[in-house]
């Protein structure tokens, strides 16, 4: 499921997540067409990569929230729920051993 979410996030982010090489290739095309200068190209590449990383983090946060909501709605225990229960069991076992 994590892999599927990752693929969906990457697909939705386009060039910015496609990788530095793809971004540079696209920006170089803009330079060749005369739409931006060579000096502007480096700044644009950095800007696109930075924005892409920000978007990826936002999408990951949204995906985590949606998955957590779906788990809660279906009554599925999270890792945190299981750890909390394990800690309670250990505490009860220690208490019982002391008695």
PDB file of N, CA and C in Angstrom:
ATOM      1  N   UNK A   1       0.833  -1.186   0.000  1.00  0.00           N
ATOM      2  CA  UNK A   1       0.000   0.000   0.000  1.00  0.00           C
ATOM      3  C   UNK A   1       0.878   1.250   0.000  1.00  0.00           C
ATOM      4  N   UNK A   2       1.965   1.235   0.764  1.00  0.00           N
ATOM      5  CA  UNK A   2       2.863   2.381   0.814  1.00  0.00           C
ATOM      6  C   UNK A   2       3.442   2.652  -0.569  1.00  0.00           C
ATOM      7  N   UNK A   3       3.798   1.590  -1.296  1.00  0.00           N
ATOM      8  CA  UNK A   3       4.351   1.737  -2.630  1.00  0.00           C
ATOM      9  C   UNK A   3       3.331   2.354  -3.581  1.00  0.00           C
ATOM     10  N   UNK A   4       2.079   1.948  -3.488  1.00  0.00           N
ATOM     11  CA  UNK A   4       1.022   2.493  -4.329  1.00  0.00           C
ATOM     12  C   UNK A   4       0.816   3.971  -4.046  1.00  0.00           C
ATOM     13  N   UNK A   5       0.815   4.345  -2.782  1.00  0.00           N
ATOM     14  CA  UNK A   5       0.671   5.760  -2.415  1.00  0.00           C
ATOM     15  C   UNK A   5       1.847   6.551  -2.978  1.00  0.00           C
ATOM     16  N   UNK A   6       3.037   6.015  -2.855  1.00  0.00           N
ATOM     17  CA  UNK A   6       4.221   6.689  -3.385  1.00  0.00           C
ATOM     18  C   UNK A   6       4.151   6.892  -4.889  1.00  0.00           C
ATOM     19  N   UNK A   7       3.676   5.872  -5.608  1.00  0.00           N
ATOM     20  CA  UNK A   7       3.536   5.998  -7.059  1.00  0.00           C
ATOM     21  C   UNK A   7       2.503   7.055  -7.420  1.00  0.00           C
ATOM     22  N   UNK A   8       1.408   7.075  -6.707  1.00  0.00           N
ATOM     23  CA  UNK A   8       0.362   8.065  -6.984  1.00  0.00           C
ATOM     24  C   UNK A   8       0.874   9.480  -6.727  1.00  0.00           C
ATOM     25  N   UNK A   9       1.626   9.645  -5.662  1.00  0.00           N
ATOM     26  CA  UNK A   9       2.187  10.966  -5.345  1.00  0.00           C
ATOM     27  C   UNK A   9       3.153  11.395  -6.447  1.00  0.00           C
ATOM     28  N   UNK A  10       4.047  10.502  -6.839  1.00  0.00           N
ATOM     29  CA  UNK A  10       5.009  10.833  -7.879  1.00  0.00           C
ATOM     30  C   UNK A  10       4.329  11.150  -9.205  1.00  0.00           C
ATOM     31  N   UNK A  11       3.335  10.379  -9.548  1.00  0.00           N
ATOM     32  CA  UNK A  11       2.608  10.608 -10.784  1.00  0.00           C
ATOM     33  C   UNK A  11       1.942  11.970 -10.773  1.00  0.00           C
ATOM     34  N   UNK A  12       1.358  12.339  -9.660  1.00  0.00           N
ATOM     35  CA  UNK A  12       0.637  13.602  -9.565  1.00  0.00           C
ATOM     36  C   UNK A  12       1.516  14.832  -9.545  1.00  0.00           C
ATOM     37  N   UNK A  13       2.797  14.683  -9.287  1.00  0.00           N
ATOM     38  CA  UNK A  13       3.670  15.842  -9.169  1.00  0.00           C
ATOM     39  C   UNK A  13       4.399  16.221 -10.450  1.00  0.00           C
ATOM     40  N   UNK A  14       4.339  15.393 -11.468  1.00  0.00           N
ATOM     41  CA  UNK A  14       4.893  15.760 -12.769  1.00  0.00           C
ATOM     42  C   UNK A  14       6.384  16.014 -12.767  1.00  0.00           C
ATOM     43  N   UNK A  15       6.794  17.028 -13.520  1.00  0.00           N
ATOM     44  CA  UNK A  15       8.207  17.321 -13.728  1.00  0.00           C
ATOM     45  C   UNK A  15       8.995  17.526 -12.453  1.00  0.00           C
ATOM     46  N   UNK A  16       8.416  18.181 -11.503  1.00  0.00           N
ATOM     47  CA  UNK A  16       9.147  18.515 -10.290  1.00  0.00           C
ATOM     48  C   UNK A  16       9.610  17.274  -9.547  1.00  0.00           C
ATOM     49  N   UNK A  17       8.902  16.184  -9.682  1.00  0.00           N
ATOM     50  CA  UNK A  17       9.279  14.947  -9.001  1.00  0.00           C
ATOM     51  C   UNK A  17       9.938  13.964  -9.962  1.00  0.00           C
ATOM     52  N   UNK A  18       9.839  14.217 -11.247  1.00  0.00           N
ATOM     53  CA  UNK A  18      10.406  13.298 -12.240  1.00  0.00           C
ATOM     54  C   UNK A  18      11.911  13.144 -12.067  1.00  0.00           C
ATOM     55  N   UNK A  19      12.522  14.104 -11.466  1.00  0.00           N
ATOM     56  CA  UNK A  19      13.945  14.027 -11.220  1.00  0.00           C
ATOM     57  C   UNK A  19      14.668  15.220 -11.786  1.00  0.00           C
ATOM     58  N   UNK A  20      15.826  15.458 -11.240  1.00  0.00           N
ATOM     59  CA  UNK A  20      16.614  16.625 -11.617  1.00  0.00           C
ATOM     60  C   UNK A  20      16.949  16.612 -13.102  1.00  0.00           C
ATOM     61  N   UNK A  21      17.299  15.442 -13.638  1.00  0.00           N
ATOM     62  CA  UNK A  21      17.659  15.359 -15.051  1.00  0.00           C
ATOM     63  C   UNK A  21      16.500  15.785 -15.952  1.00  0.00           C
ATOM     64  N   UNK A  22      15.309  15.328 -15.642  1.00  0.00           N
ATOM     65  CA  UNK A  22      14.150  15.673 -16.461  1.00  0.00           C
ATOM     66  C   UNK A  22      13.834  17.161 -16.359  1.00  0.00           C
ATOM     67  N   UNK A  23      13.944  17.709 -15.163  1.00  0.00           N
ATOM     68  CA  UNK A  23      13.702  19.141 -14.970  1.00  0.00           C
ATOM     69  C   UNK A  23      14.730  19.939 -15.763  1.00  0.00           C
ATOM     70  N   UNK A  24      16.004  19.550 -15.663  1.00  0.00           N
ATOM     71  CA  UNK A  24      17.051  20.254 -16.388  1.00  0.00           C
ATOM     72  C   UNK A  24      16.839  20.173 -17.892  1.00  0.00           C
ATOM     73  N   UNK A  25      16.420  19.014 -18.364  1.00  0.00           N
ATOM     74  CA  UNK A  25      16.160  18.829 -19.798  1.00  0.00           C
ATOM     75  C   UNK A  25      15.052  19.776 -20.263  1.00  0.00           C
ATOM     76  N   UNK A  26      13.983  19.854 -19.505  1.00  0.00           N
ATOM     77  CA  UNK A  26      12.863  20.720 -19.859  1.00  0.00           C
ATOM     78  C   UNK A  26      13.269  22.186 -19.825  1.00  0.00           C
ATOM     79  N   UNK A  27      14.037  22.575 -18.801  1.00  0.00           N
ATOM     80  CA  UNK A  27      14.494  23.963 -18.689  1.00  0.00           C
ATOM     81  C   UNK A  27      15.456  24.286 -19.837  1.00  0.00           C
ATOM     82  N   UNK A  28      16.320  23.338 -20.211  1.00  0.00           N
ATOM     83  CA  UNK A  28      17.219  23.555 -21.348  1.00  0.00           C
ATOM     84  C   UNK A  28      16.429  23.807 -22.630  1.00  0.00           C
ATOM     85  N   UNK A  29      15.307  23.127 -22.782  1.00  0.00           N
ATOM     86  CA  UNK A  29      14.441  23.349 -23.960  1.00  0.00           C
ATOM     87  C   UNK A  29      13.915  24.787 -23.953  1.00  0.00           C
ATOM     88  N   UNK A  30      13.559  25.288 -22.762  1.00  0.00           N
ATOM     89  CA  UNK A  30      13.089  26.673 -22.661  1.00  0.00           C
ATOM     90  C   UNK A  30      14.197  27.655 -23.047  1.00  0.00           C
ATOM     91  N   UNK A  31      15.447  27.331 -22.667  1.00  0.00           N
ATOM     92  CA  UNK A  31      16.585  28.177 -23.016  1.00  0.00           C
ATOM     93  C   UNK A  31      16.769  28.169 -24.535  1.00  0.00           C
ATOM     94  N   UNK A  32      16.700  26.989 -25.146  1.00  0.00           N
ATOM     95  CA  UNK A  32      16.863  26.870 -26.596  1.00  0.00           C
ATOM     96  C   UNK A  32      15.786  27.654 -27.347  1.00  0.00           C
ATOM     97  N   UNK A  33      14.585  27.659 -26.812  1.00  0.00           N
ATOM     98  CA  UNK A  33      13.482  28.381 -27.448  1.00  0.00           C
ATOM     99  C   UNK A  33      13.564  29.885 -27.188  1.00  0.00           C
ATOM    100  N   UNK A  34      14.480  30.278 -26.303  1.00  0.00           N
ATOM    101  CA  UNK A  34      14.649  31.687 -25.998  1.00  0.00           C
ATOM    102  C   UNK A  34      13.627  32.229 -25.006  1.00  0.00           C
ATOM    103  N   UNK A  35      12.912  31.332 -24.324  1.00  0.00           N
ATOM    104  CA  UNK A  35      11.896  31.773 -23.365  1.00  0.00           C
ATOM    105  C   UNK A  35      12.506  32.217 -22.037  1.00  0.00           C
ATOM    106  N   UNK A  36      13.691  31.677 -21.724  1.00  0.00           N
ATOM    107  CA  UNK A  36      14.432  32.113 -20.534  1.00  0.00           C
ATOM    108  C   UNK A  36      15.907  32.161 -20.897  1.00  0.00           C
ATOM    109  N   UNK A  37      16.688  32.884 -20.100  1.00  0.00           N
ATOM    110  CA  UNK A  37      18.124  32.969 -20.343  1.00  0.00           C
ATOM    111  C   UNK A  37      18.835  31.813 -19.647  1.00  0.00           C
ATOM    112  N   UNK A  38      20.078  31.586 -20.057  1.00  0.00           N
ATOM    113  CA  UNK A  38      20.882  30.537 -19.426  1.00  0.00           C
ATOM    114  C   UNK A  38      21.053  30.823 -17.936  1.00  0.00           C
ATOM    115  N   UNK A  39      21.220  32.107 -17.585  1.00  0.00           N
ATOM    116  CA  UNK A  39      21.367  32.486 -16.183  1.00  0.00           C
ATOM    117  C   UNK A  39      20.120  32.190 -15.367  1.00  0.00           C
ATOM    118  N   UNK A  40      18.966  32.358 -15.973  1.00  0.00           N
ATOM    119  CA  UNK A  40      17.704  32.093 -15.280  1.00  0.00           C
ATOM    120  C   UNK A  40      17.443  30.598 -15.134  1.00  0.00           C
ATOM    121  N   UNK A  41      18.065  29.805 -16.013  1.00  0.00           N
ATOM    122  CA  UNK A  41      17.767  28.378 -16.031  1.00  0.00           C
ATOM    123  C   UNK A  41      18.154  27.672 -14.731  1.00  0.00           C
ATOM    124  N   UNK A  42      19.334  28.005 -14.183  1.00  0.00           N
ATOM    125  CA  UNK A  42      19.778  27.358 -12.938  1.00  0.00           C
ATOM    126  C   UNK A  42      18.814  27.687 -11.800  1.00  0.00           C
ATOM    127  N   UNK A  43      18.440  28.953 -11.708  1.00  0.00           N
ATOM    128  CA  UNK A  43      17.499  29.380 -10.665  1.00  0.00           C
ATOM    129  C   UNK A  43      16.149  28.679 -10.825  1.00  0.00           C
ATOM    130  N   UNK A  44      15.698  28.553 -12.077  1.00  0.00           N
ATOM    131  CA  UNK A  44      14.420  27.891 -12.340  1.00  0.00           C
ATOM    132  C   UNK A  44      14.468  26.413 -11.956  1.00  0.00           C
ATOM    133  N   UNK A  45      15.566  25.741 -12.299  1.00  0.00           N
ATOM    134  CA  UNK A  45      15.725  24.324 -11.937  1.00  0.00           C
ATOM    135  C   UNK A  45      15.644  24.166 -10.419  1.00  0.00           C
ATOM    136  N   UNK A  46      16.407  24.997  -9.697  1.00  0.00           N
ATOM    137  CA  UNK A  46      16.399  24.922  -8.229  1.00  0.00           C
ATOM    138  C   UNK A  46      15.008  25.202  -7.677  1.00  0.00           C
ATOM    139  N   UNK A  47      14.340  26.191  -8.251  1.00  0.00           N
ATOM    140  CA  UNK A  47      12.983  26.543  -7.803  1.00  0.00           C
ATOM    141  C   UNK A  47      12.025  25.377  -8.029  1.00  0.00           C
ATOM    142  N   UNK A  48      12.071  24.775  -9.220  1.00  0.00           N
ATOM    143  CA  UNK A  48      11.167  23.663  -9.530  1.00  0.00           C
ATOM    144  C   UNK A  48      11.426  22.460  -8.628  1.00  0.00           C
ATOM    145  N   UNK A  49      12.697  22.163  -8.399  1.00  0.00           N
ATOM    146  CA  UNK A  49      13.027  21.031  -7.524  1.00  0.00           C
ATOM    147  C   UNK A  49      12.583  21.298  -6.088  1.00  0.00           C
ATOM    148  N   UNK A  50      12.782  22.530  -5.619  1.00  0.00           N
ATOM    149  CA  UNK A  50      12.354  22.894  -4.264  1.00  0.00           C
ATOM    150  C   UNK A  50      10.834  22.797  -4.135  1.00  0.00           C
ATOM    151  N   UNK A  51      10.126  23.364  -5.106  1.00  0.00           N
ATOM    152  CA  UNK A  51       8.656  23.308  -5.082  1.00  0.00           C
ATOM    153  C   UNK A  51       8.165  21.871  -5.175  1.00  0.00           C
ATOM    154  N   UNK A  52       8.830  21.077  -5.992  1.00  0.00           N
ATOM    155  CA  UNK A  52       8.453  19.667  -6.112  1.00  0.00           C
ATOM    156  C   UNK A  52       8.601  18.925  -4.800  1.00  0.00           C
ATOM    157  N   UNK A  53       9.691  19.205  -4.092  1.00  0.00           N
ATOM    158  CA  UNK A  53       9.920  18.556  -2.794  1.00  0.00           C
ATOM    159  C   UNK A  53       8.868  18.998  -1.786  1.00  0.00           C
ATOM    160  N   UNK A  54       8.527  20.289  -1.800  1.00  0.00           N
ATOM    161  CA  UNK A  54       7.474  20.789  -0.908  1.00  0.00           C
ATOM    162  C   UNK A  54       6.140  20.109  -1.209  1.00  0.00           C
ATOM    163  N   UNK A  55       5.822  20.003  -2.509  1.00  0.00           N
ATOM    164  CA  UNK A  55       4.561  19.366  -2.903  1.00  0.00           C
ATOM    165  C   UNK A  55       4.543  17.893  -2.493  1.00  0.00           C
ATOM    166  N   UNK A  56       5.682  17.232  -2.651  1.00  0.00           N
ATOM    167  CA  UNK A  56       5.772  15.816  -2.271  1.00  0.00           C
ATOM    168  C   UNK A  56       5.493  15.650  -0.777  1.00  0.00           C
ATOM    169  N   UNK A  57       6.092  16.526   0.041  1.00  0.00           N
ATOM    170  CA  UNK A  57       5.872  16.452   1.488  1.00  0.00           C
ATOM    171  C   UNK A  57       4.407  16.712   1.838  1.00  0.00           C
ATOM    172  N   UNK A  58       3.800  17.687   1.167  1.00  0.00           N
ATOM    173  CA  UNK A  58       2.379  17.977   1.405  1.00  0.00           C
ATOM    174  C   UNK A  58       1.504  16.790   1.013  1.00  0.00           C
ATOM    175  N   UNK A  59       1.799  16.199  -0.145  1.00  0.00           N
ATOM    176  CA  UNK A  59       1.016  15.049  -0.610  1.00  0.00           C
ATOM    177  C   UNK A  59       1.181  13.854   0.333  1.00  0.00           C
ATOM    178  N   UNK A  60       2.399  13.640   0.816  1.00  0.00           N
ATOM    179  CA  UNK A  60       2.638  12.547   1.762  1.00  0.00           C
ATOM    180  C   UNK A  60       1.859  12.769   3.052  1.00  0.00           C
ATOM    181  N   UNK A  61       1.831  14.007   3.536  1.00  0.00           N
ATOM    182  CA  UNK A  61       1.082  14.316   4.759  1.00  0.00           C
ATOM    183  C   UNK A  61      -0.407  14.078   4.546  1.00  0.00           C
ATOM    184  N   UNK A  62      -0.909  14.497   3.406  1.00  0.00           N
ATOM    185  CA  UNK A  62      -2.329  14.283   3.092  1.00  0.00           C
ATOM    186  C   UNK A  62      -2.622  12.792   2.996  1.00  0.00           C
ATOM    187  N   UNK A  63      -1.746  12.056   2.323  1.00  0.00           N
ATOM    188  CA  UNK A  63      -1.948  10.611   2.180  1.00  0.00           C
ATOM    189  C   UNK A  63      -1.933   9.920   3.536  1.00  0.00           C
ATOM    190  N   UNK A  64      -0.971  10.305   4.405  1.00  0.00           N
ATOM    191  CA  UNK A  64      -0.918   9.710   5.754  1.00  0.00           C
ATOM    192  C   UNK A  64      -2.206   9.992   6.524  1.00  0.00           C
ATOM    193  N   UNK A  65      -2.695  11.226   6.428  1.00  0.00           N
ATOM    194  CA  UNK A  65      -3.925  11.607   7.135  1.00  0.00           C
ATOM    195  C   UNK A  65      -5.110  10.803   6.606  1.00  0.00           C
ATOM    196  N   UNK A  66      -5.187  10.639   5.290  1.00  0.00           N
ATOM    197  CA  UNK A  66      -6.293   9.882   4.687  1.00  0.00           C
ATOM    198  C   UNK A  66      -6.242   8.410   5.091  1.00  0.00           C
ATOM    199  N   UNK A  67      -5.043   7.845   5.094  1.00  0.00           N
ATOM    200  CA  UNK A  67      -4.897   6.440   5.485  1.00  0.00           C
ATOM    201  C   UNK A  67      -5.262   6.267   6.951  1.00  0.00           C
ATOM    202  N   UNK A  68      -4.806   7.183   7.801  1.00  0.00           N
ATOM    203  CA  UNK A  68      -5.138   7.115   9.228  1.00  0.00           C
ATOM    204  C   UNK A  68      -6.647   7.212   9.435  1.00  0.00           C
ATOM    205  N   UNK A  69      -7.286   8.099   8.696  1.00  0.00           N
ATOM    206  CA  UNK A  69      -8.738   8.242   8.800  1.00  0.00           C
ATOM    207  C   UNK A  69      -9.444   6.965   8.367  1.00  0.00           C
ATOM    208  N   UNK A  70      -8.960   6.378   7.281  1.00  0.00           N
ATOM    209  CA  UNK A  70      -9.569   5.137   6.790  1.00  0.00           C
ATOM    210  C   UNK A  70      -9.387   4.015   7.804  1.00  0.00           C
ATOM    211  N   UNK A  71      -8.197   3.912   8.401  1.00  0.00           N
ATOM    212  CA  UNK A  71      -7.954   2.896   9.431  1.00  0.00           C
ATOM    213  C   UNK A  71      -8.889   3.100  10.616  1.00  0.00           C
ATOM    214  N   UNK A  72      -8.997   4.342  11.060  1.00  0.00           N
ATOM    215  CA  UNK A  72      -9.855   4.642  12.207  1.00  0.00           C
ATOM    216  C   UNK A  72     -11.311   4.313  11.891  1.00  0.00           C
ATOM    217  N   UNK A  73     -11.735   4.642  10.678  1.00  0.00           N
ATOM    218  CA  UNK A  73     -13.122   4.383  10.275  1.00  0.00           C
ATOM    219  C   UNK A  73     -13.426   2.889  10.253  1.00  0.00           C
ATOM    220  N   UNK A  74     -12.438   2.099   9.857  1.00  0.00           N
ATOM    221  CA  UNK A  74     -12.627   0.643   9.778  1.00  0.00           C
ATOM    222  C   UNK A  74     -12.263  -0.067  11.076  1.00  0.00           C
ATOM    223  N   UNK A  75     -11.770   0.690  12.049  1.00  0.00           N
ATOM    224  CA  UNK A  75     -11.416   0.085  13.328  1.00  0.00           C
ATOM    225  C   UNK A  75     -10.123  -0.715  13.276  1.00  0.00           C
ATOM    226  N   UNK A  76      -9.237  -0.357  12.363  1.00  0.00           N
ATOM    227  CA  UNK A  76      -7.956  -1.058  12.224  1.00  0.00           C
ATOM    228  C   UNK A  76      -6.939  -0.405  13.159  1.00  0.00           C
ATOM    229  N   UNK A  77      -6.238  -1.236  13.914  1.00  0.00           N
ATOM    230  CA  UNK A  77      -5.246  -0.736  14.868  1.00  0.00           C
ATOM    231  C   UNK A  77      -4.024  -0.201  14.134  1.00  0.00           C
ATOM    232  N   UNK A  78      -3.507   0.900  14.636  1.00  0.00           N
ATOM    233  CA  UNK A  78      -2.273   1.469  14.090  1.00  0.00           C
ATOM    234  C   UNK A  78      -1.092   0.926  14.881  1.00  0.00           C
ATOM    235  N   UNK A  79       0.104   1.192  14.401  1.00  0.00           N
ATOM    236  CA  UNK A  79       1.318   0.780  15.111  1.00  0.00           C
ATOM    237  C   UNK A  79       1.344   1.414  16.498  1.00  0.00           C
ATOM    238  N   UNK A  80       0.926   2.676  16.565  1.00  0.00           N
ATOM    239  CA  UNK A  80       0.896   3.373  17.854  1.00  0.00           C
ATOM    240  C   UNK A  80      -0.095   2.699  18.814  1.00  0.00           C
ATOM    241  N   UNK A  81      -1.260   2.285  18.298  1.00  0.00           N
ATOM    242  CA  UNK A  81      -2.241   1.589  19.125  1.00  0.00           C
ATOM    243  C   UNK A  81      -1.645   0.300  19.688  1.00  0.00           C
ATOM    244  N   UNK A  82      -0.967  -0.448  18.853  1.00  0.00           N
ATOM    245  CA  UNK A  82      -0.386  -1.727  19.273  1.00  0.00           C
ATOM    246  C   UNK A  82       0.716  -1.500  20.304  1.00  0.00           C
ATOM    247  N   UNK A  83       1.560  -0.505  20.076  1.00  0.00           N
ATOM    248  CA  UNK A  83       2.630  -0.208  21.043  1.00  0.00           C
ATOM    249  C   UNK A  83       2.048   0.202  22.391  1.00  0.00           C
ATOM    250  N   UNK A  84       0.991   1.010  22.355  1.00  0.00           N
ATOM    251  CA  UNK A  84       0.352   1.447  23.597  1.00  0.00           C
ATOM    252  C   UNK A  84      -0.218   0.236  24.346  1.00  0.00           C
ATOM    253  N   UNK A  85      -0.850  -0.685  23.625  1.00  0.00           N
ATOM    254  CA  UNK A  85      -1.422  -1.880  24.256  1.00  0.00           C
ATOM    255  C   UNK A  85      -0.328  -2.793  24.802  1.00  0.00           C
ATOM    256  N   UNK A  86       0.773  -2.921  24.059  1.00  0.00           N
ATOM    257  CA  UNK A  86       1.885  -3.736  24.537  1.00  0.00           C
ATOM    258  C   UNK A  86       2.443  -3.168  25.841  1.00  0.00           C
ATOM    259  N   UNK A  87       2.560  -1.852  25.905  1.00  0.00           N
ATOM    260  CA  UNK A  87       3.069  -1.215  27.127  1.00  0.00           C
ATOM    261  C   UNK A  87       2.118  -1.470  28.294  1.00  0.00           C
ATOM    262  N   UNK A  88       0.821  -1.405  28.046  1.00  0.00           N
ATOM    263  CA  UNK A  88      -0.160  -1.661  29.108  1.00  0.00           C
ATOM    264  C   UNK A  88      -0.088  -3.114  29.572  1.00  0.00           C
ATOM    265  N   UNK A  89       0.078  -4.040  28.639  1.00  0.00           N
ATOM    266  CA  UNK A  89       0.177  -5.464  28.994  1.00  0.00           C
ATOM    267  C   UNK A  89       1.423  -5.700  29.841  1.00  0.00           C
ATOM    268  N   UNK A  90       2.554  -5.124  29.415  1.00  0.00           N
ATOM    269  CA  UNK A  90       3.790  -5.284  30.186  1.00  0.00           C
ATOM    270  C   UNK A  90       3.639  -4.723  31.597  1.00  0.00           C
ATOM    271  N   UNK A  91       2.990  -3.583  31.724  1.00  0.00           N
ATOM    272  CA  UNK A  91       2.785  -2.975  33.043  1.00  0.00           C
ATOM    273  C   UNK A  91       1.912  -3.880  33.905  1.00  0.00           C
ATOM    274  N   UNK A  92       0.869  -4.437  33.315  1.00  0.00           N
ATOM    275  CA  UNK A  92      -0.010  -5.347  34.064  1.00  0.00           C
ATOM    276  C   UNK A  92       0.731  -6.622  34.460  1.00  0.00           C
ATOM    277  N   UNK A  93       1.568  -7.143  33.566  1.00  0.00           N
ATOM    278  CA  UNK A  93       2.332  -8.336  33.872  1.00  0.00           C
ATOM    279  C   UNK A  93       3.323  -8.079  35.024  1.00  0.00           C
ATOM    280  N   UNK A  94       3.972  -6.901  35.011  1.00  0.00           N
ATOM    281  CA  UNK A  94       4.882  -6.555  36.105  1.00  0.00           C
ATOM    282  C   UNK A  94       4.112  -6.426  37.415  1.00  0.00           C
ATOM    283  N   UNK A  95       2.956  -5.796  37.338  1.00  0.00           N
ATOM    284  CA  UNK A  95       2.135  -5.618  38.535  1.00  0.00           C
ATOM    285  C   UNK A  95       1.704  -6.966  39.084  1.00  0.00           C
ATOM    286  N   UNK A  96       1.317  -7.893  38.191  1.00  0.00           N
ATOM    287  CA  UNK A  96       0.863  -9.204  38.605  1.00  0.00           C
ATOM    288  C   UNK A  96       2.038 -10.010  39.193  1.00  0.00           C
ATOM    289  N   UNK A  97       3.222  -9.852  38.617  1.00  0.00           N
ATOM    290  CA  UNK A  97       4.395 -10.570  39.118  1.00  0.00           C
ATOM    291  C   UNK A  97       4.797 -10.098  40.510  1.00  0.00           C
ATOM    292  N   UNK A  98       4.560  -8.814  40.778  1.00  0.00           N
ATOM    293  CA  UNK A  98       4.871  -8.245  42.092  1.00  0.00           C
ATOM    294  C   UNK A  98       3.921  -8.743  43.169  1.00  0.00           C
ATOM    295  N   UNK A  99       2.715  -9.134  42.774  1.00  0.00           N
ATOM    296  CA  UNK A  99       1.713  -9.593  43.755  1.00  0.00           C
ATOM    297  C   UNK A  99       1.883 -11.017  44.014  1.00  0.00           C
TER     298      UNK A  99
END
